[in-house]
Amino acid sequence: MRNFLHKWALIRMCLGLFIVLDGYPLGFFFKETVGIPIDSAIFTAGFMLLGMVLMVPTTILRKLYAPNIPVFNALLAFVFMCILYAFLFNEIAVGERSKDMVYYAFVIIFMLMLVNVPNEITKQLIIVGVIFTLVSNLALVYALMIDPDWTIGQRAAIQFGEPGEKMGNPHVFSRNAQIGLLCCLMWGNRLNQSFFIKALAIALVLFNVVILMLTFSKSAILSTLIAAVIFIVVNLKHTSPKQILKILISPLSLIVLSLPFLALIGLIIVKPEIWDIITLYGDMIFGRFSENILALLGAENQKGDLAELDGSSVNRVLSWTYTTYAVMGDPLGLIMGYGYKYFFMDIPMLETLINQGIFGFLLYAFIFYQMGKSSFIIANSSGRTEIEIWCAYLYFFFIVSYFTSGRPYEMATLHPLCLFARFLGVTYPPQLTRGYVDEPLPTTDNAIPATLQPA
């Protein structure tokens, strides 16, 4: 009975962690699609607070677990620096100060909960992540199916607002798809996993890929490709071509790999319009990347016109240009920065430099450097526990967005950093290592000192 309750306590804490880290898609679904009549800000805060309550262990404040101390301290210092700037060096965002203090309170509470959460959640984390992200994806699909204003070709997101002025946030759904993709891959790749589980995991991987493509998030797609390249490089460098070929042509691999493609072909035969939808989204995604690349090179597109950057890319180019002018024209101003939220750069790393000066930039850069180093070490060594492998590849999944979108003060930025500071680069007990087997007890003869054994 004790083991049963302990297992469900770990599941509860994992569920709370996912609500805090990735609860926005479900939050949008309950608030906008289900129509819960609560103010959006209050509902989001309440939903996140529920996640933190679920994370509370029975040993709270009595047993703390060591995070990555240098990164944890640097992140905490950055958060307190943001709070200090909000009160002492704030000319632009005075009206946002009260709301931001609530956000920072949630970040600090989340950090506190993480050091109370035991490392043992690694045992249940992946399966909870598979189920949680699947529910969020299904909620998105249902919302799109009943939304009369959404059509094929639009970015997948739960829309809200007045008719004709609806808007949504596809980035939270692309992030959910990335987390689900990683959880399903790790679930299917566990030791001694059955054929049925492997096939189901691959099907869910493809489902997450479809959701990711529907969101049209360039940063998410690019970072997913980067993570895939890192995985291939670090896992194939110790494997000979003969071993790779043997694995690929094994009957189980051929069956598992062919099933999704056979299912897709069957679906296209039954509904030929599926192929048109696939090509439409493929052309749109490829067009976004190629147009931006041609624009950066100053080349022409297929129509013969000079290629142009899209709106978000233009904003980032202007941010880089402004940073260059600030560094060259007013270098002394960058010592302290221009103040809290003074400029919106849409590039978090640059925004810390412009708004919070050299010290804020160095703190922020130190966090990313240490987390990047730990992630590469874990990926290269294949990791010891599932939670550190999950966090390492999650860092790769998020890395492009951290440098190309959002603000350094947002909970969507700070909460994953709190997670990485807690579980990356820390020491885990051997019992949590993948494939760990208890050492056999010594025999009676070995337990007797040699001097006392009979001749």
Protein backbone atom coordinates (compact mmCIF):
# COMPACT_ATOMS: atom_id res chain seq x y z
CA MET A 1 0.00 0.00 0.00
CA ARG A 2 2.84 2.37 0.83
CA ASN A 3 4.45 1.77 -2.57
CA PHE A 4 1.12 2.40 -4.30
CA LEU A 5 0.63 5.73 -2.51
CA HIS A 6 4.23 6.72 -3.17
CA LYS A 7 3.81 6.02 -6.89
CA TRP A 8 0.68 8.15 -7.10
CA ALA A 9 2.38 10.92 -5.16
CA LEU A 10 5.13 10.96 -7.82
CA ILE A 11 2.50 11.03 -10.58
CA ARG A 12 0.74 13.92 -8.84
CA MET A 13 3.98 15.91 -8.63
CA CYS A 14 4.76 15.22 -12.29
CA LEU A 15 1.28 16.39 -13.28
CA GLY A 16 1.77 19.60 -11.30
CA LEU A 17 5.13 20.16 -12.98
CA PHE A 18 3.58 19.80 -16.45
CA ILE A 19 0.74 22.17 -15.57
CA VAL A 20 3.24 24.87 -14.59
CA LEU A 21 5.61 24.20 -17.47
CA ASP A 22 3.11 23.44 -20.25
CA GLY A 23 -0.34 24.29 -18.94
CA TYR A 24 -1.11 27.15 -21.32
CA PRO A 25 -2.68 24.97 -24.08
CA LEU A 26 -5.12 23.34 -21.64
CA GLY A 27 -5.70 26.71 -20.01
CA PHE A 28 -6.73 28.20 -23.36
CA PHE A 29 -8.99 25.21 -24.00
CA PHE A 30 -10.84 25.44 -20.68
CA LYS A 31 -11.12 29.24 -20.79
CA GLU A 32 -11.95 29.83 -24.46
CA THR A 33 -13.41 26.56 -25.82
CA VAL A 34 -15.20 25.23 -22.75
CA GLY A 35 -16.05 28.82 -21.83
CA ILE A 36 -15.32 28.95 -18.10
CA PRO A 37 -16.61 32.41 -17.05
CA ILE A 38 -13.51 33.64 -15.23
CA ASP A 39 -11.20 36.51 -16.16
CA SER A 40 -8.26 35.21 -18.24
CA ALA A 41 -5.55 36.50 -15.90
CA ILE A 42 -7.27 35.09 -12.81
CA PHE A 43 -7.93 31.75 -14.50
CA THR A 44 -4.31 31.43 -15.68
CA ALA A 45 -3.00 32.28 -12.21
CA GLY A 46 -5.40 29.82 -10.58
CA PHE A 47 -4.52 27.02 -13.01
CA MET A 48 -0.81 27.58 -12.43
CA LEU A 49 -1.35 27.71 -8.68
CA LEU A 50 -3.12 24.35 -8.92
CA GLY A 51 -0.02 22.92 -10.60
CA MET A 52 2.21 24.19 -7.82
CA VAL A 53 -0.10 22.76 -5.16
CA LEU A 54 0.07 19.37 -6.89
CA MET A 55 3.87 19.60 -6.76
CA VAL A 56 3.91 19.83 -2.96
CA PRO A 57 5.55 16.70 -1.49
CA THR A 58 4.80 15.32 1.97
CA THR A 59 8.37 16.21 2.96
CA ILE A 60 8.07 19.90 1.99
CA LEU A 61 10.69 22.13 3.67
CA ARG A 62 11.98 19.10 5.60
CA LYS A 63 13.96 17.51 2.79
CA LEU A 64 15.49 19.67 0.06
CA TYR A 65 17.26 18.45 -3.09
CA ALA A 66 20.35 20.15 -4.44
CA PRO A 67 19.91 21.94 -7.79
CA ASN A 68 22.70 23.16 -10.05
CA ILE A 69 23.86 25.70 -7.46
CA PRO A 70 25.72 28.21 -9.72
CA VAL A 71 22.90 28.32 -12.28
CA PHE A 72 20.18 28.34 -9.63
CA ASN A 73 21.83 31.28 -7.85
CA ALA A 74 22.36 33.15 -11.13
CA LEU A 75 18.71 32.67 -12.11
CA LEU A 76 17.52 33.80 -8.69
CA ALA A 77 19.81 36.86 -8.91
CA PHE A 78 18.41 37.69 -12.36
CA VAL A 79 14.82 37.49 -11.08
CA PHE A 80 15.60 39.78 -8.13
CA MET A 81 17.40 42.14 -10.50
CA CYS A 82 14.22 42.31 -12.61
CA ILE A 83 12.19 43.13 -9.48
CA LEU A 84 14.71 45.79 -8.44
CA TYR A 85 14.65 47.40 -11.88
CA ALA A 86 10.85 47.32 -11.93
CA PHE A 87 10.77 49.56 -8.84
CA LEU A 88 13.92 51.69 -9.17
CA PHE A 89 14.61 51.96 -12.89
CA ASN A 90 11.24 51.91 -14.60
CA GLU A 91 9.92 54.67 -16.83
CA ILE A 92 7.94 52.66 -19.37
CA ALA A 93 6.26 49.72 -17.63
CA VAL A 94 5.09 51.31 -14.36
CA GLY A 95 1.52 50.21 -15.08
CA GLU A 96 2.64 46.59 -15.51
CA ARG A 97 4.55 46.43 -12.24
CA SER A 98 1.80 44.89 -10.08
CA LYS A 99 1.02 42.21 -12.66
CA ASP A 100 4.72 41.43 -13.12
CA MET A 101 5.23 41.03 -9.38
CA VAL A 102 2.63 38.25 -9.43
CA TYR A 103 4.55 36.57 -12.26
CA TYR A 104 7.83 36.81 -10.36
CA ALA A 105 6.15 35.43 -7.25
CA PHE A 106 5.06 32.39 -9.27
CA VAL A 107 8.61 31.94 -10.58
CA ILE A 108 10.10 32.07 -7.09
CA ILE A 109 7.46 29.67 -5.72
CA PHE A 110 8.14 27.31 -8.63
CA MET A 111 11.85 27.37 -7.81
CA LEU A 112 11.02 26.58 -4.18
CA MET A 113 8.74 23.69 -5.20
CA LEU A 114 11.40 22.24 -7.50
CA VAL A 115 14.02 21.93 -4.75
CA ASN A 116 11.39 20.13 -2.65
CA VAL A 117 10.40 17.71 -5.42
CA PRO A 118 12.38 14.44 -5.18
CA ASN A 119 14.58 13.14 -7.98
CA GLU A 120 12.39 10.03 -8.01
CA ILE A 121 9.86 11.74 -10.27
CA THR A 122 12.12 10.56 -13.09
CA LYS A 123 10.34 7.19 -12.76
CA GLN A 124 6.93 8.60 -13.73
CA LEU A 125 7.81 11.79 -15.65
CA ILE A 126 7.80 10.41 -19.20
CA ILE A 127 4.49 8.56 -19.12
CA VAL A 128 2.77 11.53 -17.44
CA GLY A 129 4.26 13.77 -20.14
CA VAL A 130 2.95 11.48 -22.90
CA ILE A 131 -0.59 11.58 -21.52
CA PHE A 132 -0.58 15.29 -20.63
CA THR A 133 0.65 16.46 -24.03
CA LEU A 134 -1.71 14.07 -25.83
CA VAL A 135 -4.70 15.52 -23.96
CA SER A 136 -3.54 19.05 -24.85
CA ASN A 137 -3.14 18.11 -28.52
CA LEU A 138 -6.57 16.47 -28.64
CA ALA A 139 -8.06 19.56 -27.01
CA LEU A 140 -6.51 21.71 -29.76
CA VAL A 141 -7.85 19.42 -32.52
CA TYR A 142 -11.33 19.52 -31.00
CA ALA A 143 -11.21 23.32 -30.68
CA LEU A 144 -10.17 23.68 -34.33
CA MET A 145 -12.94 21.33 -35.49
CA ILE A 146 -15.70 23.35 -33.80
CA ASP A 147 -14.23 26.79 -34.61
CA PRO A 148 -16.12 28.18 -37.64
CA ASP A 149 -13.47 30.86 -38.18
CA TRP A 150 -10.54 28.44 -38.55
CA THR A 151 -9.72 27.01 -41.95
CA ILE A 152 -7.00 24.82 -43.41
CA GLY A 153 -3.94 26.98 -44.01
CA GLN A 154 -4.25 29.04 -40.83
CA ARG A 155 -1.84 28.56 -37.94
CA ALA A 156 -3.21 26.05 -35.45
CA ALA A 157 -4.19 27.76 -32.20
CA ILE A 158 -7.24 28.18 -29.99
CA GLN A 159 -8.58 31.57 -31.02
CA PHE A 160 -10.26 34.10 -28.79
CA GLY A 161 -11.66 37.60 -29.14
CA GLU A 162 -14.51 39.25 -30.98
CA PRO A 163 -15.70 37.78 -34.32
CA GLY A 164 -13.53 39.12 -37.12
CA GLU A 165 -10.79 40.09 -34.65
CA LYS A 166 -9.93 36.69 -33.24
CA MET A 167 -6.35 35.85 -32.41
CA GLY A 168 -4.44 32.95 -30.86
CA ASN A 169 -1.01 31.93 -29.65
CA PRO A 170 0.32 29.06 -31.79
CA HIS A 171 3.69 29.06 -29.98
CA VAL A 172 2.30 27.46 -26.80
CA PHE A 173 0.87 24.62 -28.91
CA SER A 174 4.13 24.15 -30.84
CA ARG A 175 5.95 23.92 -27.50
CA ASN A 176 3.44 21.35 -26.26
CA ALA A 177 4.00 19.35 -29.45
CA GLN A 178 7.77 19.47 -28.91
CA ILE A 179 7.43 18.23 -25.31
CA GLY A 180 5.06 15.49 -26.45
CA LEU A 181 7.41 14.49 -29.27
CA LEU A 182 10.31 14.11 -26.83
CA CYS A 183 8.26 12.21 -24.22
CA CYS A 184 6.91 9.77 -26.82
CA LEU A 185 10.36 9.11 -28.27
CA MET A 186 11.78 8.38 -24.83
CA TRP A 187 8.77 6.25 -23.91
CA GLY A 188 9.09 4.10 -27.01
CA ASN A 189 12.88 3.83 -26.61
CA ARG A 190 12.81 2.38 -23.09
CA LEU A 191 14.56 -0.93 -22.50
CA ASN A 192 12.50 -4.07 -23.09
CA GLN A 193 9.55 -2.08 -24.40
CA SER A 194 6.90 -4.17 -26.15
CA PHE A 195 6.17 -3.97 -29.87
CA PHE A 196 2.71 -2.50 -29.20
CA ILE A 197 4.15 0.30 -27.05
CA LYS A 198 6.83 1.09 -29.66
CA ALA A 199 4.21 1.26 -32.43
CA LEU A 200 1.92 3.44 -30.30
CA ALA A 201 4.83 5.73 -29.38
CA ILE A 202 5.76 6.20 -33.06
CA ALA A 203 2.13 6.99 -33.91
CA LEU A 204 2.06 9.63 -31.17
CA VAL A 205 5.40 11.02 -32.39
CA LEU A 206 3.88 11.52 -35.85
CA PHE A 207 0.80 13.10 -34.29
CA ASN A 208 3.00 15.61 -32.44
CA VAL A 209 4.93 16.33 -35.64
CA VAL A 210 1.65 17.08 -37.43
CA ILE A 211 0.59 19.48 -34.66
CA LEU A 212 4.02 21.13 -34.78
CA MET A 213 3.72 21.69 -38.53
CA LEU A 214 0.18 23.04 -38.19
CA THR A 215 1.40 25.77 -35.84
CA PHE A 216 3.86 27.16 -38.45
CA SER A 217 6.34 28.03 -35.71
CA LYS A 218 9.63 28.54 -37.51
CA SER A 219 11.68 28.64 -34.31
CA ALA A 220 10.09 25.41 -33.01
CA ILE A 221 10.59 23.57 -36.30
CA LEU A 222 14.20 24.77 -36.56
CA SER A 223 15.06 23.88 -32.97
CA THR A 224 13.46 20.43 -33.40
CA LEU A 225 15.70 19.82 -36.42
CA ILE A 226 18.74 20.99 -34.41
CA ALA A 227 17.88 18.58 -31.58
CA ALA A 228 17.43 15.75 -34.09
CA VAL A 229 20.85 16.45 -35.64
CA ILE A 230 22.50 16.50 -32.19
CA PHE A 231 20.84 13.18 -31.30
CA ILE A 232 21.97 11.54 -34.56
CA VAL A 233 25.55 12.82 -34.27
CA VAL A 234 26.12 11.81 -30.64
CA ASN A 235 24.47 8.39 -31.03
CA LEU A 236 26.01 7.34 -34.33
CA LYS A 237 29.61 8.30 -33.62
CA HIS A 238 30.06 5.18 -31.46
CA THR A 239 28.15 2.93 -33.85
CA SER A 240 29.62 1.29 -36.93
CA PRO A 241 27.77 1.44 -40.28
CA LYS A 242 27.34 -2.35 -40.08
CA GLN A 243 25.54 -2.08 -36.72
CA ILE A 244 23.31 0.72 -38.04
CA LEU A 245 22.36 -1.34 -41.09
CA LYS A 246 21.66 -4.38 -38.93
CA ILE A 247 19.32 -2.37 -36.71
CA LEU A 248 17.50 -0.76 -39.65
CA ILE A 249 16.85 -4.00 -41.55
CA SER A 250 15.75 -6.02 -38.53
CA PRO A 251 12.13 -7.26 -38.89
CA LEU A 252 10.92 -5.31 -35.83
CA SER A 253 12.44 -2.03 -37.10
CA LEU A 254 10.99 -2.50 -40.59
CA ILE A 255 7.52 -3.25 -39.23
CA VAL A 256 7.54 -0.36 -36.73
CA LEU A 257 8.86 2.13 -39.30
CA SER A 258 6.52 1.03 -42.08
CA LEU A 259 3.28 1.11 -40.10
CA PRO A 260 2.92 4.94 -39.97
CA PHE A 261 3.64 5.26 -43.69
CA LEU A 262 1.19 2.50 -44.58
CA ALA A 263 -1.43 4.19 -42.41
CA LEU A 264 -0.79 7.52 -44.14
CA ILE A 265 -1.02 5.95 -47.60
CA GLY A 266 -4.28 4.27 -46.62
CA LEU A 267 -5.66 7.55 -45.33
CA ILE A 268 -4.71 9.33 -48.56
CA ILE A 269 -6.40 6.59 -50.63
CA VAL A 270 -9.61 6.93 -48.60
CA LYS A 271 -9.48 10.75 -48.53
CA PRO A 272 -7.33 12.12 -51.39
CA GLU A 273 -7.75 15.70 -50.13
CA ILE A 274 -5.38 14.81 -47.28
CA TRP A 275 -2.48 14.92 -49.75
CA ASP A 276 -3.48 18.42 -50.90
CA ILE A 277 -3.49 19.59 -47.28
CA ILE A 278 -0.03 18.08 -46.68
CA THR A 279 1.44 19.76 -49.76
CA LEU A 280 -0.23 23.07 -48.83
CA TYR A 281 1.35 23.14 -45.38
CA GLY A 282 4.69 21.89 -46.74
CA ASP A 283 4.81 24.66 -49.34
CA MET A 284 3.89 27.30 -46.76
CA ILE A 285 6.53 26.17 -44.26
CA PHE A 286 9.22 25.86 -46.94
CA GLY A 287 8.17 29.21 -48.38
CA ARG A 288 8.59 30.97 -45.01
CA PHE A 289 12.14 29.70 -44.58
CA SER A 290 13.25 30.17 -48.17
CA GLU A 291 11.84 33.71 -48.47
CA ASN A 292 13.68 34.83 -45.33
CA ILE A 293 16.95 33.22 -46.48
CA LEU A 294 16.69 34.90 -49.91
CA ALA A 295 15.88 38.22 -48.23
CA LEU A 296 18.98 37.99 -46.04
CA LEU A 297 21.05 37.29 -49.16
CA GLY A 298 19.42 40.15 -51.04
CA ALA A 299 18.22 37.75 -53.76
CA GLU A 300 15.01 37.49 -55.73
CA ASN A 301 12.24 34.99 -55.12
CA GLN A 302 10.63 32.68 -57.68
CA LYS A 303 8.33 35.47 -58.87
CA GLY A 304 11.31 37.63 -59.77
CA ASP A 305 10.61 40.14 -57.00
CA LEU A 306 13.13 41.10 -54.34
CA ALA A 307 12.59 38.73 -51.42
CA GLU A 308 11.30 40.33 -48.21
CA LEU A 309 11.50 39.29 -44.59
CA ASP A 310 8.27 38.51 -42.78
CA GLY A 311 7.06 40.78 -39.99
CA SER A 312 8.67 38.92 -37.07
CA SER A 313 11.99 38.59 -38.89
CA VAL A 314 12.00 42.30 -39.76
CA ASN A 315 11.51 43.13 -36.09
CA ARG A 316 14.49 40.99 -35.09
CA VAL A 317 16.70 42.51 -37.79
CA LEU A 318 15.77 45.96 -36.51
CA SER A 319 16.58 44.81 -32.96
CA TRP A 320 20.06 43.76 -34.04
CA THR A 321 20.51 47.06 -35.87
CA TYR A 322 19.39 49.05 -32.84
CA THR A 323 21.74 47.09 -30.59
CA THR A 324 24.63 47.92 -32.92
CA TYR A 325 23.77 51.63 -32.75
CA ALA A 326 23.48 51.46 -28.94
CA VAL A 327 26.86 49.73 -28.57
CA MET A 328 28.59 52.14 -30.96
CA GLY A 329 26.77 55.33 -30.03
CA ASP A 330 26.21 55.07 -26.28
CA PRO A 331 28.39 52.33 -24.78
CA LEU A 332 28.25 53.90 -21.29
CA GLY A 333 24.47 53.61 -21.33
CA LEU A 334 24.82 49.85 -21.52
CA ILE A 335 26.55 49.67 -18.14
CA MET A 336 23.22 50.01 -16.32
CA GLY A 337 20.93 49.59 -19.32
CA TYR A 338 18.00 51.81 -20.28
CA GLY A 339 15.58 50.47 -17.70
CA TYR A 340 12.95 47.85 -17.06
CA LYS A 341 11.12 46.84 -20.28
CA TYR A 342 12.39 50.00 -21.94
CA PHE A 343 12.64 48.34 -25.37
CA PHE A 344 10.90 45.29 -26.77
CA MET A 345 13.56 43.48 -28.81
CA ASP A 346 11.85 40.09 -29.36
CA ILE A 347 15.32 38.64 -28.74
CA PRO A 348 15.62 37.95 -24.98
CA MET A 349 19.43 37.96 -24.89
CA LEU A 350 19.66 41.38 -26.55
CA GLU A 351 16.86 42.75 -24.41
CA THR A 352 18.74 41.96 -21.22
CA LEU A 353 21.74 43.90 -22.57
CA ILE A 354 19.73 46.95 -23.67
CA ASN A 355 17.33 47.15 -20.74
CA GLN A 356 19.35 45.76 -17.81
CA GLY A 357 22.90 46.47 -18.84
CA ILE A 358 26.08 44.47 -18.77
CA PHE A 359 25.46 42.75 -15.43
CA GLY A 360 21.99 41.53 -16.38
CA PHE A 361 23.32 40.35 -19.75
CA LEU A 362 26.20 38.44 -18.13
CA LEU A 363 23.85 36.74 -15.65
CA TYR A 364 21.51 35.70 -18.43
CA ALA A 365 24.34 34.55 -20.71
CA PHE A 366 25.95 32.57 -17.86
CA ILE A 367 22.70 30.64 -17.33
CA PHE A 368 22.47 29.68 -20.99
CA TYR A 369 26.16 28.83 -21.24
CA GLN A 370 26.06 26.49 -18.24
CA MET A 371 22.79 24.87 -19.29
CA GLY A 372 24.05 24.42 -22.85
CA LYS A 373 27.28 22.84 -21.63
CA SER A 374 25.44 20.46 -19.30
CA SER A 375 22.97 19.53 -22.06
CA PHE A 376 25.75 18.68 -24.53
CA ILE A 377 27.59 16.60 -21.92
CA ILE A 378 24.41 14.65 -21.09
CA ALA A 379 23.52 14.13 -24.76
CA ASN A 380 27.05 12.99 -25.57
CA SER A 381 27.15 10.51 -22.68
CA SER A 382 23.53 9.34 -23.27
CA GLY A 383 22.66 10.48 -19.74
CA ARG A 384 22.09 8.54 -16.56
CA THR A 385 18.46 9.28 -15.67
CA GLU A 386 15.43 9.94 -17.84
CA ILE A 387 14.75 13.33 -16.31
CA GLU A 388 18.18 14.74 -17.12
CA ILE A 389 18.02 13.38 -20.68
CA TRP A 390 14.55 14.89 -21.03
CA CYS A 391 15.73 18.27 -19.74
CA ALA A 392 18.84 18.24 -21.94
CA TYR A 393 16.91 17.69 -25.17
CA LEU A 394 14.16 20.03 -24.00
CA TYR A 395 16.84 22.70 -23.77
CA PHE A 396 17.77 22.01 -27.41
CA PHE A 397 14.09 22.15 -28.37
CA PHE A 398 13.68 25.59 -26.77
CA ILE A 399 17.07 27.09 -27.62
CA VAL A 400 16.06 28.84 -30.86
CA SER A 401 12.99 30.46 -29.29
CA TYR A 402 15.11 31.67 -26.37
CA PHE A 403 17.24 33.65 -28.80
CA THR A 404 14.60 34.68 -31.34
CA SER A 405 11.29 35.39 -29.60
CA GLY A 406 9.70 36.55 -26.38
CA ARG A 407 11.04 38.55 -23.46
CA PRO A 408 13.39 37.49 -20.65
CA TYR A 409 10.78 38.42 -18.01
CA GLU A 410 8.00 36.08 -19.17
CA MET A 411 7.00 33.01 -17.17
CA ALA A 412 7.12 30.99 -20.40
CA THR A 413 10.84 31.85 -20.51
CA LEU A 414 11.70 31.65 -16.81
CA HIS A 415 9.82 28.49 -15.83
CA PRO A 416 11.79 26.17 -18.16
CA LEU A 417 15.01 27.81 -16.94
CA CYS A 418 13.98 26.97 -13.37
CA LEU A 419 13.44 23.36 -14.45
CA PHE A 420 16.86 23.17 -16.12
CA ALA A 421 18.57 24.75 -13.10
CA ARG A 422 17.04 22.07 -10.88
CA PHE A 423 17.70 18.92 -12.93
CA LEU A 424 20.64 19.61 -15.28
CA GLY A 425 24.18 19.16 -14.01
CA VAL A 426 23.21 17.62 -10.65
CA THR A 427 24.14 14.32 -8.99
CA TYR A 428 21.59 11.50 -8.98
CA PRO A 429 21.66 8.36 -6.80
CA PRO A 430 22.57 5.19 -8.71
CA GLN A 431 19.14 3.69 -7.99
CA LEU A 432 17.59 6.15 -10.46
CA THR A 433 20.00 5.33 -13.28
CA ARG A 434 18.44 3.69 -16.32
CA GLY A 435 18.78 -0.08 -16.23
CA TYR A 436 19.95 -0.09 -12.62
CA VAL A 437 19.94 -3.51 -10.97
CA ASP A 438 20.49 -4.00 -7.25
CA GLU A 439 23.82 -5.63 -6.48
CA PRO A 440 23.44 -9.17 -5.07
CA LEU A 441 23.94 -9.60 -1.36
CA PRO A 442 27.28 -11.13 -0.38
CA THR A 443 27.30 -14.86 0.26
CA THR A 444 27.87 -16.23 3.76
CA ASP A 445 31.40 -17.29 2.93
CA ASN A 446 32.32 -13.88 1.56
CA ALA A 447 30.81 -12.21 4.59
CA ILE A 448 33.13 -14.12 7.00
CA PRO A 449 36.59 -12.56 7.47
CA ALA A 450 39.31 -14.57 5.80
CA THR A 451 41.10 -15.16 9.11
CA LEU A 452 38.02 -16.92 10.55
CA GLN A 453 37.22 -19.13 7.53
CA PRO A 454 38.05 -22.84 7.86
CA ALA A 455 41.19 -24.06 6.16
